PDB file of N, CA and C in Angstrom:
ATOM      1  N   MET A   1      22.921  14.428 -22.107  1.00  0.00           N
ATOM      2  CA  MET A   1      22.584  12.971 -21.350  1.00  0.00           C
ATOM      3  C   MET A   1      20.992  13.113 -21.021  1.00  0.00           C
ATOM      4  N   THR A   2      20.101  11.691 -21.226  1.00  0.00           N
ATOM      5  CA  THR A   2      19.086  11.474 -20.546  1.00  0.00           C
ATOM      6  C   THR A   2      18.363  11.876 -19.645  1.00  0.00           C
ATOM      7  N   LYS A   3      17.064  12.658 -19.457  1.00  0.00           N
ATOM      8  CA  LYS A   3      16.755  13.328 -18.361  1.00  0.00           C
ATOM      9  C   LYS A   3      15.510  11.816 -17.668  1.00  0.00           C
ATOM     10  N   THR A   4      15.473  11.617 -16.997  1.00  0.00           N
ATOM     11  CA  THR A   4      14.206  10.926 -16.135  1.00  0.00           C
ATOM     12  C   THR A   4      13.364  11.472 -15.205  1.00  0.00           C
ATOM     13  N   LEU A   5      12.132  11.232 -14.997  1.00  0.00           N
ATOM     14  CA  LEU A   5      10.923  12.294 -14.295  1.00  0.00           C
ATOM     15  C   LEU A   5      10.508  10.456 -13.814  1.00  0.00           C
ATOM     16  N   LEU A   6      10.666  11.575 -11.837  1.00  0.00           N
ATOM     17  CA  LEU A   6      11.043  10.229 -11.613  1.00  0.00           C
ATOM     18  C   LEU A   6       9.398  11.236 -10.609  1.00  0.00           C
ATOM     19  N   ASN A   7       8.567  10.017  -9.453  1.00  0.00           N
ATOM     20  CA  ASN A   7       7.320  10.880  -8.869  1.00  0.00           C
ATOM     21  C   ASN A   7       7.846  10.182  -7.397  1.00  0.00           C
ATOM     22  N   LEU A   8       8.318  11.385  -7.099  1.00  0.00           N
ATOM     23  CA  LEU A   8       9.091  11.261  -4.855  1.00  0.00           C
ATOM     24  C   LEU A   8       7.335  10.900  -4.306  1.00  0.00           C
ATOM     25  N   THR A   9       6.030  11.084  -5.165  1.00  0.00           N
ATOM     26  CA  THR A   9       5.152  10.748  -4.376  1.00  0.00           C
ATOM     27  C   THR A   9       4.930   8.895  -3.532  1.00  0.00           C
ATOM     28  N   ILE A  10       5.593   8.131  -4.892  1.00  0.00           N
ATOM     29  CA  ILE A  10       5.003   6.797  -5.216  1.00  0.00           C
ATOM     30  C   ILE A  10       5.788   6.023  -4.350  1.00  0.00           C
ATOM     31  N   ARG A  11       6.916   6.880  -3.542  1.00  0.00           N
ATOM     32  CA  ARG A  11       7.789   6.198  -2.569  1.00  0.00           C
ATOM     33  C   ARG A  11       8.059   6.491  -1.287  1.00  0.00           C
ATOM     34  N   LEU A  12       7.593   7.581  -1.169  1.00  0.00           N
ATOM     35  CA  LEU A  12       6.186   7.652  -0.185  1.00  0.00           C
ATOM     36  C   LEU A  12       5.111   7.231   0.706  1.00  0.00           C
ATOM     37  N   VAL A  13       4.378   7.020  -0.594  1.00  0.00           N
ATOM     38  CA  VAL A  13       2.819   5.714  -0.632  1.00  0.00           C
ATOM     39  C   VAL A  13       3.202   4.905  -0.475  1.00  0.00           C
ATOM     40  N   LEU A  14       4.475   3.877  -0.513  1.00  0.00           N
ATOM     41  CA  LEU A  14       4.573   2.666  -0.713  1.00  0.00           C
ATOM     42  C   LEU A  14       5.419   2.663   0.903  1.00  0.00           C
ATOM     43  N   GLN A  15       5.866   3.744   1.359  1.00  0.00           N
ATOM     44  CA  GLN A  15       7.015   3.961   2.701  1.00  0.00           C
ATOM     45  C   GLN A  15       5.842   3.864   4.105  1.00  0.00           C
ATOM     46  N   GLU A  16       4.650   4.233   3.940  1.00  0.00           N
ATOM     47  CA  GLU A  16       3.600   5.115   4.206  1.00  0.00           C
ATOM     48  C   GLU A  16       2.675   3.854   4.471  1.00  0.00           C
ATOM     49  N   LEU A  17       2.329   3.349   3.421  1.00  0.00           N
ATOM     50  CA  LEU A  17       1.044   2.129   3.548  1.00  0.00           C
ATOM     51  C   LEU A  17       1.994   1.093   3.797  1.00  0.00           C
ATOM     52  N   GLU A  18       3.499   0.712   3.907  1.00  0.00           N
ATOM     53  CA  GLU A  18       3.422  -0.326   4.847  1.00  0.00           C
ATOM     54  C   GLU A  18       3.847  -0.367   6.157  1.00  0.00           C
ATOM     55  N   GLY A  19       4.370   0.673   6.075  1.00  0.00           N
ATOM     56  CA  GLY A  19       3.828   1.030   7.550  1.00  0.00           C
ATOM     57  C   GLY A  19       1.829   1.316   8.575  1.00  0.00           C
ATOM     58  N   ILE A  20       1.952   1.358   7.749  1.00  0.00           N
ATOM     59  CA  ILE A  20      -0.206   1.281   7.416  1.00  0.00           C
ATOM     60  C   ILE A  20      -0.359   1.074   7.292  1.00  0.00           C
ATOM     61  N   LEU A  21      -1.137  -0.155   6.993  1.00  0.00           N
ATOM     62  CA  LEU A  21      -1.032  -2.082   7.049  1.00  0.00           C
ATOM     63  C   LEU A  21      -0.867  -3.006   7.830  1.00  0.00           C
ATOM     64  N   GLU A  22       0.497  -2.893   8.735  1.00  0.00           N
ATOM     65  CA  GLU A  22       0.445  -3.530   9.773  1.00  0.00           C
ATOM     66  C   GLU A  22       0.644  -3.521  10.672  1.00  0.00           C
ATOM     67  N   THR A  23      -0.790  -1.874  10.999  1.00  0.00           N
ATOM     68  CA  THR A  23      -1.682  -2.088  12.587  1.00  0.00           C
ATOM     69  C   THR A  23      -3.378  -2.240  12.304  1.00  0.00           C
ATOM     70  N   TYR A  24      -3.481  -2.592  10.867  1.00  0.00           N
ATOM     71  CA  TYR A  24      -4.456  -3.199  10.594  1.00  0.00           C
ATOM     72  C   TYR A  24      -4.362  -4.577  11.113  1.00  0.00           C
ATOM     73  N   PRO A  25      -5.658  -5.205  11.909  1.00  0.00           N
ATOM     74  CA  PRO A  25      -5.515  -6.979  11.745  1.00  0.00           C
ATOM     75  C   PRO A  25      -4.977  -8.035   9.979  1.00  0.00           C
ATOM     76  N   HIS A  26      -4.216  -8.903  10.865  1.00  0.00           N
ATOM     77  CA  HIS A  26      -3.559  -9.126   9.535  1.00  0.00           C
ATOM     78  C   HIS A  26      -4.820 -10.051   8.853  1.00  0.00           C
ATOM     79  N   HIS A  27      -5.738 -10.185   9.744  1.00  0.00           N
ATOM     80  CA  HIS A  27      -6.794 -10.954   8.827  1.00  0.00           C
ATOM     81  C   HIS A  27      -7.784  -9.569   9.127  1.00  0.00           C
ATOM     82  N   PRO A  28      -8.689  -9.257   7.556  1.00  0.00           N
ATOM     83  CA  PRO A  28      -8.617  -9.773   6.108  1.00  0.00           C
ATOM     84  C   PRO A  28      -7.686  -8.697   5.372  1.00  0.00           C
ATOM     85  N   TYR A  29      -6.908  -8.051   6.322  1.00  0.00           N
ATOM     86  CA  TYR A  29      -6.445  -6.381   5.883  1.00  0.00           C
ATOM     87  C   TYR A  29      -5.829  -6.720   5.017  1.00  0.00           C
ATOM     88  N   GLN A  30      -4.427  -7.260   6.136  1.00  0.00           N
ATOM     89  CA  GLN A  30      -2.903  -7.846   5.421  1.00  0.00           C
ATOM     90  C   GLN A  30      -2.933  -8.429   4.464  1.00  0.00           C
ATOM     91  N   GLU A  31      -3.654 -10.270   4.988  1.00  0.00           N
ATOM     92  CA  GLU A  31      -3.883 -10.246   3.716  1.00  0.00           C
ATOM     93  C   GLU A  31      -5.342  -9.593   2.392  1.00  0.00           C
ATOM     94  N   ALA A  32      -5.519  -8.976   2.535  1.00  0.00           N
ATOM     95  CA  ALA A  32      -6.734  -8.451   2.258  1.00  0.00           C
ATOM     96  C   ALA A  32      -5.449  -7.958   0.351  1.00  0.00           C
ATOM     97  N   PHE A  33      -5.170  -6.741   1.562  1.00  0.00           N
ATOM     98  CA  PHE A  33      -3.683  -6.145   0.117  1.00  0.00           C
ATOM     99  C   PHE A  33      -2.498  -7.040  -0.026  1.00  0.00           C
ATOM    100  N   ALA A  34      -1.463  -7.968   0.811  1.00  0.00           N
ATOM    101  CA  ALA A  34      -0.886  -8.644   0.084  1.00  0.00           C
ATOM    102  C   ALA A  34      -1.495  -9.098  -1.692  1.00  0.00           C
ATOM    103  N   ASN A  35      -2.697  -9.474  -2.030  1.00  0.00           N
ATOM    104  CA  ASN A  35      -2.643  -9.550  -3.509  1.00  0.00           C
ATOM    105  C   ASN A  35      -2.327  -7.939  -4.393  1.00  0.00           C
ATOM    106  N   PRO A  36      -1.660  -8.298  -5.043  1.00  0.00           N
ATOM    107  CA  PRO A  36      -1.423  -7.461  -6.458  1.00  0.00           C
ATOM    108  C   PRO A  36      -2.197  -6.471  -6.782  1.00  0.00           C
ATOM    109  N   ASP A  37      -3.181  -7.725  -7.401  1.00  0.00           N
ATOM    110  CA  ASP A  37      -4.242  -6.758  -7.380  1.00  0.00           C
ATOM    111  C   ASP A  37      -4.945  -5.292  -6.946  1.00  0.00           C
ATOM    112  N   MET A  38      -5.125  -5.756  -5.676  1.00  0.00           N
ATOM    113  CA  MET A  38      -6.359  -4.767  -4.248  1.00  0.00           C
ATOM    114  C   MET A  38      -5.080  -4.086  -3.474  1.00  0.00           C
ATOM    115  N   ARG A  39      -3.500  -4.195  -3.728  1.00  0.00           N
ATOM    116  CA  ARG A  39      -2.771  -3.310  -2.706  1.00  0.00           C
ATOM    117  C   ARG A  39      -2.591  -2.510  -4.561  1.00  0.00           C
ATOM    118  N   GLN A  40      -2.580  -2.365  -6.066  1.00  0.00           N
ATOM    119  CA  GLN A  40      -2.775  -1.693  -6.743  1.00  0.00           C
ATOM    120  C   GLN A  40      -3.713  -0.785  -6.266  1.00  0.00           C
ATOM    121  N   ASN A  41      -4.972  -1.738  -6.484  1.00  0.00           N
ATOM    122  CA  ASN A  41      -5.865  -0.664  -6.382  1.00  0.00           C
ATOM    123  C   ASN A  41      -5.878   0.165  -5.615  1.00  0.00           C
ATOM    124  N   LEU A  42      -5.765   0.094  -4.007  1.00  0.00           N
ATOM    125  CA  LEU A  42      -5.286   1.185  -2.917  1.00  0.00           C
ATOM    126  C   LEU A  42      -4.739   2.508  -3.630  1.00  0.00           C
ATOM    127  N   VAL A  43      -3.080   1.742  -3.860  1.00  0.00           N
ATOM    128  CA  VAL A  43      -2.029   3.032  -4.140  1.00  0.00           C
ATOM    129  C   VAL A  43      -2.598   3.552  -5.209  1.00  0.00           C
ATOM    130  N   ALA A  44      -3.996   3.281  -6.495  1.00  0.00           N
ATOM    131  CA  ALA A  44      -4.169   4.308  -7.745  1.00  0.00           C
ATOM    132  C   ALA A  44      -5.378   4.883  -6.811  1.00  0.00           C
ATOM    133  N   TYR A  45      -5.640   3.966  -5.622  1.00  0.00           N
ATOM    134  CA  TYR A  45      -7.281   5.478  -4.492  1.00  0.00           C
ATOM    135  C   TYR A  45      -6.524   6.320  -4.517  1.00  0.00           C
ATOM    136  N   ILE A  46      -5.064   6.365  -3.937  1.00  0.00           N
ATOM    137  CA  ILE A  46      -4.914   7.330  -3.241  1.00  0.00           C
ATOM    138  C   ILE A  46      -3.589   7.730  -4.040  1.00  0.00           C
ATOM    139  N   LEU A  47      -3.285   7.648  -4.492  1.00  0.00           N
ATOM    140  CA  LEU A  47      -2.948   8.692  -5.296  1.00  0.00           C
ATOM    141  C   LEU A  47      -3.610   9.403  -6.299  1.00  0.00           C
ATOM    142  N   SER A  48      -4.550   8.642  -6.516  1.00  0.00           N
ATOM    143  CA  SER A  48      -5.702  10.167  -7.637  1.00  0.00           C
ATOM    144  C   SER A  48      -6.610  11.030  -6.465  1.00  0.00           C
ATOM    145  N   ARG A  49      -6.138  11.155  -5.671  1.00  0.00           N
ATOM    146  CA  ARG A  49      -6.519  11.364  -4.362  1.00  0.00           C
ATOM    147  C   ARG A  49      -4.998  12.804  -3.500  1.00  0.00           C
ATOM    148  N   ILE A  50      -4.233  12.670  -3.827  1.00  0.00           N
ATOM    149  CA  ILE A  50      -3.308  13.873  -4.178  1.00  0.00           C
ATOM    150  C   ILE A  50      -2.341  14.354  -4.652  1.00  0.00           C
ATOM    151  N   PRO A  51      -2.338  15.531  -4.457  1.00  0.00           N
ATOM    152  CA  PRO A  51      -1.007  16.882  -5.625  1.00  0.00           C
ATOM    153  C   PRO A  51       0.476  15.259  -5.919  1.00  0.00           C
ATOM    154  N   ASN A  52       0.248  15.009  -6.831  1.00  0.00           N
ATOM    155  CA  ASN A  52       2.009  14.071  -6.923  1.00  0.00           C
ATOM    156  C   ASN A  52       3.055  15.023  -7.196  1.00  0.00           C
ATOM    157  N   GLN A  53       4.642  15.020  -6.756  1.00  0.00           N
ATOM    158  CA  GLN A  53       5.553  16.014  -6.848  1.00  0.00           C
ATOM    159  C   GLN A  53       6.697  14.736  -7.664  1.00  0.00           C
ATOM    160  N   TYR A  54       7.351  15.618  -8.452  1.00  0.00           N
ATOM    161  CA  TYR A  54       8.157  15.010  -9.274  1.00  0.00           C
ATOM    162  C   TYR A  54      10.005  15.111  -9.461  1.00  0.00           C
ATOM    163  N   ILE A  55       9.879  15.293  -9.387  1.00  0.00           N
ATOM    164  CA  ILE A  55      11.926  16.110 -10.104  1.00  0.00           C
ATOM    165  C   ILE A  55      12.024  14.722 -10.989  1.00  0.00           C
ATOM    166  N   THR A  56      13.155  15.955 -12.587  1.00  0.00           N
ATOM    167  CA  THR A  56      14.239  15.775 -12.891  1.00  0.00           C
ATOM    168  C   THR A  56      16.016  14.882 -12.723  1.00  0.00           C
ATOM    169  N   VAL A  57      16.042  14.062 -13.346  1.00  0.00           N
ATOM    170  CA  VAL A  57      16.876  13.518 -12.902  1.00  0.00           C
ATOM    171  C   VAL A  57      18.166  12.795 -14.063  1.00  0.00           C
ATOM    172  N   ASP A  58      19.013  13.427 -13.930  1.00  0.00           N
ATOM    173  CA  ASP A  58      19.990  12.649 -14.925  1.00  0.00           C
ATOM    174  C   ASP A  58      19.460  11.303 -14.351  1.00  0.00           C
ATOM    175  N   GLU A  59      20.108  10.426 -16.154  1.00  0.00           N
ATOM    176  CA  GLU A  59      19.311   8.769 -16.111  1.00  0.00           C
ATOM    177  C   GLU A  59      20.444   7.905 -15.331  1.00  0.00           C
ATOM    178  N   ALA A  60      21.645   8.188 -15.473  1.00  0.00           N
ATOM    179  CA  ALA A  60      22.784   7.935 -14.372  1.00  0.00           C
ATOM    180  C   ALA A  60      22.192   8.243 -12.980  1.00  0.00           C
ATOM    181  N   GLU A  61      21.960   8.560 -13.674  1.00  0.00           N
ATOM    182  CA  GLU A  61      21.747   9.497 -11.192  1.00  0.00           C
ATOM    183  C   GLU A  61      20.763   8.787 -10.875  1.00  0.00           C
ATOM    184  N   LYS A  62      19.896   7.567 -12.025  1.00  0.00           N
ATOM    185  CA  LYS A  62      17.995   7.499 -11.554  1.00  0.00           C
ATOM    186  C   LYS A  62      17.954   6.269 -10.200  1.00  0.00           C
ATOM    187  N   PRO A  63      18.976   5.250 -10.437  1.00  0.00           N
ATOM    188  CA  PRO A  63      19.410   4.771  -9.849  1.00  0.00           C
ATOM    189  C   PRO A  63      19.451   4.950  -7.990  1.00  0.00           C
ATOM    190  N   LYS A  64      20.767   5.593  -8.473  1.00  0.00           N
ATOM    191  CA  LYS A  64      21.397   6.537  -6.953  1.00  0.00           C
ATOM    192  C   LYS A  64      20.376   7.823  -5.990  1.00  0.00           C
ATOM    193  N   PHE A  65      18.989   7.929  -6.411  1.00  0.00           N
ATOM    194  CA  PHE A  65      18.095   8.684  -6.040  1.00  0.00           C
ATOM    195  C   PHE A  65      17.397   8.380  -4.669  1.00  0.00           C
ATOM    196  N   ILE A  66      17.488   9.148  -3.961  1.00  0.00           N
ATOM    197  CA  ILE A  66      16.538   8.187  -2.403  1.00  0.00           C
ATOM    198  C   ILE A  66      15.978  10.079  -2.172  1.00  0.00           C
ATOM    199  N   CYS A  67      14.967   9.764  -1.871  1.00  0.00           N
ATOM    200  CA  CYS A  67      13.881  11.354  -1.180  1.00  0.00           C
ATOM    201  C   CYS A  67      14.784  11.538  -0.217  1.00  0.00           C
ATOM    202  N   SER A  68      15.120  12.939  -0.454  1.00  0.00           N
ATOM    203  CA  SER A  68      15.923  13.002   1.432  1.00  0.00           C
ATOM    204  C   SER A  68      14.344  12.681   1.855  1.00  0.00           C
ATOM    205  N   GLU A  69      15.179  13.665   3.528  1.00  0.00           N
ATOM    206  CA  GLU A  69      14.218  13.139   4.881  1.00  0.00           C
ATOM    207  C   GLU A  69      13.702  14.230   5.145  1.00  0.00           C
ATOM    208  N   SER A  70      13.771  15.719   4.945  1.00  0.00           N
ATOM    209  CA  SER A  70      13.411  16.224   4.864  1.00  0.00           C
ATOM    210  C   SER A  70      12.160  17.010   3.366  1.00  0.00           C
ATOM    211  N   LEU A  71      12.250  16.579   2.172  1.00  0.00           N
ATOM    212  CA  LEU A  71      11.026  16.705   1.481  1.00  0.00           C
ATOM    213  C   LEU A  71      10.148  15.723   1.668  1.00  0.00           C
ATOM    214  N   CYS A  72      10.448  14.552   1.965  1.00  0.00           N
ATOM    215  CA  CYS A  72       9.473  13.661   2.410  1.00  0.00           C
ATOM    216  C   CYS A  72       8.738  13.628   3.610  1.00  0.00           C
ATOM    217  N   ARG A  73       8.904  14.480   4.530  1.00  0.00           N
ATOM    218  CA  ARG A  73       8.463  14.831   5.545  1.00  0.00           C
ATOM    219  C   ARG A  73       8.067  16.413   5.521  1.00  0.00           C
ATOM    220  N   SER A  74       7.908  17.002   5.082  1.00  0.00           N
ATOM    221  CA  SER A  74       7.179  18.728   3.989  1.00  0.00           C
ATOM    222  C   SER A  74       5.809  17.777   3.692  1.00  0.00           C
ATOM    223  N   LEU A  75       6.555  17.028   2.260  1.00  0.00           N
ATOM    224  CA  LEU A  75       5.686  16.228   1.677  1.00  0.00           C
ATOM    225  C   LEU A  75       4.127  15.131   2.726  1.00  0.00           C
ATOM    226  N   GLU A  76       5.015  14.899   3.206  1.00  0.00           N
ATOM    227  CA  GLU A  76       4.089  14.075   4.064  1.00  0.00           C
ATOM    228  C   GLU A  76       3.201  14.686   5.060  1.00  0.00           C
ATOM    229  N   SER A  77       3.272  16.404   5.379  1.00  0.00           N
ATOM    230  CA  SER A  77       2.482  16.241   6.237  1.00  0.00           C
ATOM    231  C   SER A  77       1.244  17.433   5.569  1.00  0.00           C
ATOM    232  N   THR A  78       1.949  17.738   4.398  1.00  0.00           N
ATOM    233  CA  THR A  78       1.564  18.515   3.530  1.00  0.00           C
ATOM    234  C   THR A  78       0.047  17.890   2.946  1.00  0.00           C
ATOM    235  N   LEU A  79       0.112  16.621   2.917  1.00  0.00           N
ATOM    236  CA  LEU A  79      -0.943  16.269   2.109  1.00  0.00           C
ATOM    237  C   LEU A  79      -1.967  14.967   3.023  1.00  0.00           C
ATOM    238  N   HIS A  80      -1.945  15.074   4.195  1.00  0.00           N
ATOM    239  CA  HIS A  80      -1.807  14.084   4.368  1.00  0.00           C
ATOM    240  C   HIS A  80      -2.738  13.052   4.661  1.00  0.00           C
ATOM    241  N   ILE A  81      -1.266  12.068   4.117  1.00  0.00           N
ATOM    242  CA  ILE A  81      -1.332  10.055   3.828  1.00  0.00           C
ATOM    243  C   ILE A  81      -1.903   9.740   4.061  1.00  0.00           C
ATOM    244  N   GLU A  82      -1.891   9.803   5.745  1.00  0.00           N
ATOM    245  CA  GLU A  82      -2.659   8.439   6.652  1.00  0.00           C
ATOM    246  C   GLU A  82      -3.539   8.059   6.513  1.00  0.00           C
ATOM    247  N   SER A  83      -4.457   9.859   6.766  1.00  0.00           N
ATOM    248  CA  SER A  83      -5.699   8.679   6.730  1.00  0.00           C
ATOM    249  C   SER A  83      -6.472   9.194   4.909  1.00  0.00           C
ATOM    250  N   ILE A  84      -5.637   9.211   4.237  1.00  0.00           N
ATOM    251  CA  ILE A  84      -5.721   8.755   2.923  1.00  0.00           C
ATOM    252  C   ILE A  84      -5.299   7.639   2.403  1.00  0.00           C
ATOM    253  N   ILE A  85      -4.551   6.576   3.149  1.00  0.00           N
ATOM    254  CA  ILE A  85      -4.818   5.489   2.748  1.00  0.00           C
ATOM    255  C   ILE A  85      -5.529   5.026   3.741  1.00  0.00           C
ATOM    256  N   ARG A  86      -6.026   5.354   4.340  1.00  0.00           N
ATOM    257  CA  ARG A  86      -7.268   5.292   5.993  1.00  0.00           C
ATOM    258  C   ARG A  86      -8.056   4.808   4.968  1.00  0.00           C
ATOM    259  N   GLN A  87      -8.922   5.471   4.476  1.00  0.00           N
ATOM    260  CA  GLN A  87      -9.766   5.946   3.499  1.00  0.00           C
ATOM    261  C   GLN A  87     -10.152   4.706   2.447  1.00  0.00           C
ATOM    262  N   GLY A  88      -9.061   4.785   1.703  1.00  0.00           N
ATOM    263  CA  GLY A  88      -8.609   3.312   0.685  1.00  0.00           C
ATOM    264  C   GLY A  88      -8.324   1.936   0.899  1.00  0.00           C
ATOM    265  N   VAL A  89      -8.050   2.450   2.055  1.00  0.00           N
ATOM    266  CA  VAL A  89      -7.993   1.249   2.693  1.00  0.00           C
ATOM    267  C   VAL A  89      -9.851   0.430   2.786  1.00  0.00           C
ATOM    268  N   GLU A  90     -10.602   1.181   4.102  1.00  0.00           N
ATOM    269  CA  GLU A  90     -11.588   0.471   4.050  1.00  0.00           C
ATOM    270  C   GLU A  90     -12.362   0.695   2.518  1.00  0.00           C
ATOM    271  N   LYS A  91     -12.782   1.482   1.652  1.00  0.00           N
ATOM    272  CA  LYS A  91     -13.242   2.171   0.670  1.00  0.00           C
ATOM    273  C   LYS A  91     -13.025   0.833  -1.026  1.00  0.00           C
ATOM    274  N   ILE A  92     -11.563   0.369  -1.203  1.00  0.00           N
ATOM    275  CA  ILE A  92     -11.272  -1.036  -1.163  1.00  0.00           C
ATOM    276  C   ILE A  92     -11.937  -2.142  -0.641  1.00  0.00           C
ATOM    277  N   LEU A  93     -11.804  -2.283   0.502  1.00  0.00           N
ATOM    278  CA  LEU A  93     -12.410  -3.340   1.179  1.00  0.00           C
ATOM    279  C   LEU A  93     -13.506  -3.693   0.914  1.00  0.00           C
ATOM    280  N   GLY A  94     -13.697  -2.375   1.477  1.00  0.00           N
ATOM    281  CA  GLY A  94     -15.396  -2.939   1.442  1.00  0.00           C
ATOM    282  C   GLY A  94     -16.292  -2.987   0.239  1.00  0.00           C
ATOM    283  N   GLU A  95     -15.477  -2.132  -1.181  1.00  0.00           N
ATOM    284  CA  GLU A  95     -15.565  -2.729  -2.546  1.00  0.00           C
ATOM    285  C   GLU A  95     -16.346  -4.191  -2.536  1.00  0.00           C
ATOM    286  N   GLN A  96     -14.547  -4.633  -2.692  1.00  0.00           N
ATOM    287  CA  GLN A  96     -14.014  -5.987  -2.196  1.00  0.00           C
ATOM    288  C   GLN A  96     -15.105  -7.014  -1.506  1.00  0.00           C
ATOM    289  N   ALA A  97     -15.511  -6.563  -0.924  1.00  0.00           N
ATOM    290  CA  ALA A  97     -15.863  -7.481   0.220  1.00  0.00           C
ATOM    291  C   ALA A  97     -17.031  -8.832   0.045  1.00  0.00           C
ATOM    292  N   GLN A  98     -17.545  -8.376  -1.320  1.00  0.00           N
ATOM    293  CA  GLN A  98     -18.635 -10.072  -1.960  1.00  0.00           C
ATOM    294  C   GLN A  98     -16.877 -10.484  -2.407  1.00  0.00           C
ATOM    295  N   ASN A  99     -15.709 -10.401  -2.870  1.00  0.00           N
ATOM    296  CA  ASN A  99     -15.044 -11.674  -3.552  1.00  0.00           C
ATOM    297  C   ASN A  99     -13.773 -11.585  -3.035  1.00  0.00           C
ATOM    298  N   LEU A 100     -13.740 -11.106  -1.747  1.00  0.00           N
ATOM    299  CA  LEU A 100     -12.514 -11.403  -0.727  1.00  0.00           C
ATOM    300  C   LEU A 100     -12.415 -12.904  -0.868  1.00  0.00           C
ATOM    301  N   HIS A 101     -13.388 -14.319  -0.761  1.00  0.00           N
ATOM    302  CA  HIS A 101     -12.693 -15.140  -1.201  1.00  0.00           C
ATOM    303  C   HIS A 101     -11.600 -14.467  -1.661  1.00  0.00           C
ATOM    304  N   ARG A 102     -12.068 -14.924  -3.087  1.00  0.00           N
ATOM    305  CA  ARG A 102     -10.961 -14.566  -4.233  1.00  0.00           C
ATOM    306  C   ARG A 102      -9.696 -14.939  -4.054  1.00  0.00           C
ATOM    307  N   TYR A 103      -9.938 -13.812  -3.238  1.00  0.00           N
ATOM    308  CA  TYR A 103      -7.944 -12.949  -2.585  1.00  0.00           C
ATOM    309  C   TYR A 103      -7.636 -13.443  -1.059  1.00  0.00           C
ATOM    310  N   ILE A 104      -8.773 -13.668  -0.298  1.00  0.00           N
ATOM    311  CA  ILE A 104      -8.281 -14.198   0.933  1.00  0.00           C
ATOM    312  C   ILE A 104      -8.166 -15.956   1.138  1.00  0.00           C
ATOM    313  N   PRO A 105      -7.960 -16.934   1.697  1.00  0.00           N
ATOM    314  CA  PRO A 105      -8.648 -18.210   2.504  1.00  0.00           C
ATOM    315  C   PRO A 105      -9.260 -17.763   3.438  1.00  0.00           C
ATOM    316  N   GLU A 106      -9.637 -18.503   3.724  1.00  0.00           N
ATOM    317  CA  GLU A 106     -11.136 -18.156   4.510  1.00  0.00           C
ATOM    318  C   GLU A 106     -10.213 -19.185   5.540  1.00  0.00           C
ATOM    319  N   ALA A 107     -10.130 -17.911   6.775  1.00  0.00           N
ATOM    320  CA  ALA A 107     -10.024 -18.815   8.648  1.00  0.00           C
ATOM    321  C   ALA A 107     -11.052 -20.171   8.958  1.00  0.00           C
ATOM    322  N   VAL A 108      -9.865 -21.178   9.689  1.00  0.00           N
ATOM    323  CA  VAL A 108     -10.223 -22.502   9.354  1.00  0.00           C
ATOM    324  C   VAL A 108     -10.089 -22.971  11.423  1.00  0.00           C
ATOM    325  N   ASP A 109     -11.131 -23.109  10.772  1.00  0.00           N
ATOM    326  CA  ASP A 109     -10.711 -23.482  13.424  1.00  0.00           C
ATOM    327  C   ASP A 109      -9.995 -24.554  12.872  1.00  0.00           C
ATOM    328  N   PRO A 110      -8.484 -24.359  13.500  1.00  0.00           N
ATOM    329  CA  PRO A 110      -7.927 -24.832  14.013  1.00  0.00           C
ATOM    330  C   PRO A 110      -8.417 -26.416  14.282  1.00  0.00           C
ATOM    331  N   GLY A 111      -9.315 -26.685  15.087  1.00  0.00           N
ATOM    332  CA  GLY A 111      -9.998 -27.760  15.316  1.00  0.00           C
ATOM    333  C   GLY A 111     -10.857 -29.070  14.930  1.00  0.00           C
ATOM    334  N   LEU A 112     -10.862 -28.254  13.631  1.00  0.00           N
ATOM    335  CA  LEU A 112     -11.381 -28.712  12.194  1.00  0.00           C
ATOM    336  C   LEU A 112     -10.138 -29.859  11.693  1.00  0.00           C
ATOM    337  N   ALA A 113      -9.506 -28.740  12.142  1.00  0.00           N
ATOM    338  CA  ALA A 113      -8.246 -29.743  11.139  1.00  0.00           C
ATOM    339  C   ALA A 113      -7.984 -31.516  10.729  1.00  0.00           C
ATOM    340  N   ALA A 114      -7.655 -32.303   9.938  1.00  0.00           N
ATOM    341  CA  ALA A 114      -7.357 -33.020   9.634  1.00  0.00           C
ATOM    342  C   ALA A 114      -6.591 -33.755  10.957  1.00  0.00           C
ATOM    343  N   SER A 115      -5.598 -33.086  11.065  1.00  0.00           N
ATOM    344  CA  SER A 115      -4.363 -33.346  11.626  1.00  0.00           C
ATOM    345  C   SER A 115      -4.904 -33.818  13.491  1.00  0.00           C
ATOM    346  N   HIS A 116      -6.122 -32.840  13.929  1.00  0.00           N
ATOM    347  CA  HIS A 116      -6.969 -33.017  15.530  1.00  0.00           C
ATOM    348  C   HIS A 116      -7.364 -34.303  14.878  1.00  0.00           C
ATOM    349  N   TRP A 117      -7.679 -34.578  13.943  1.00  0.00           N
ATOM    350  CA  TRP A 117      -9.233 -35.678  14.228  1.00  0.00           C
ATOM    351  C   TRP A 117      -8.611 -36.704  15.080  1.00  0.00           C
ATOM    352  N   PHE A 118      -7.722 -36.987  14.754  1.00  0.00           N
ATOM    353  CA  PHE A 118      -6.602 -38.603  15.341  1.00  0.00           C
ATOM    354  C   PHE A 118      -5.790 -38.688  15.818  1.00  0.00           C
ATOM    355  N   GLY A 119      -6.197 -37.045  16.931  1.00  0.00           N
ATOM    356  CA  GLY A 119      -4.820 -37.546  18.203  1.00  0.00           C
ATOM    357  C   GLY A 119      -3.934 -36.957  18.037  1.00  0.00           C
TER     358      GLY A 119
END
């Protein structure tokens, strides 16, 4: 039977990233990291700064495999993923500050919208 290598860290990072991004303001943080390129840069930043943990499973078990709670919790506490994610959010957003207009539409004052001109 064919074995497959699974990166357990990616699953944990993606779960934590979702939760942490929800704590940030919608504009510009959540809007910026809704862009796949920005999110991919952030995930790469995080994964390059923490040790990754792998496991081999049979190809047939791959779809069924879910990171166990105890493994994920110990990995999470050891790696301090939350602080690394927050550092990455600030760093990536800071590096892309001049290009944010490409990823996020500018916030518009509702009073300036055409629908308000005509009452």
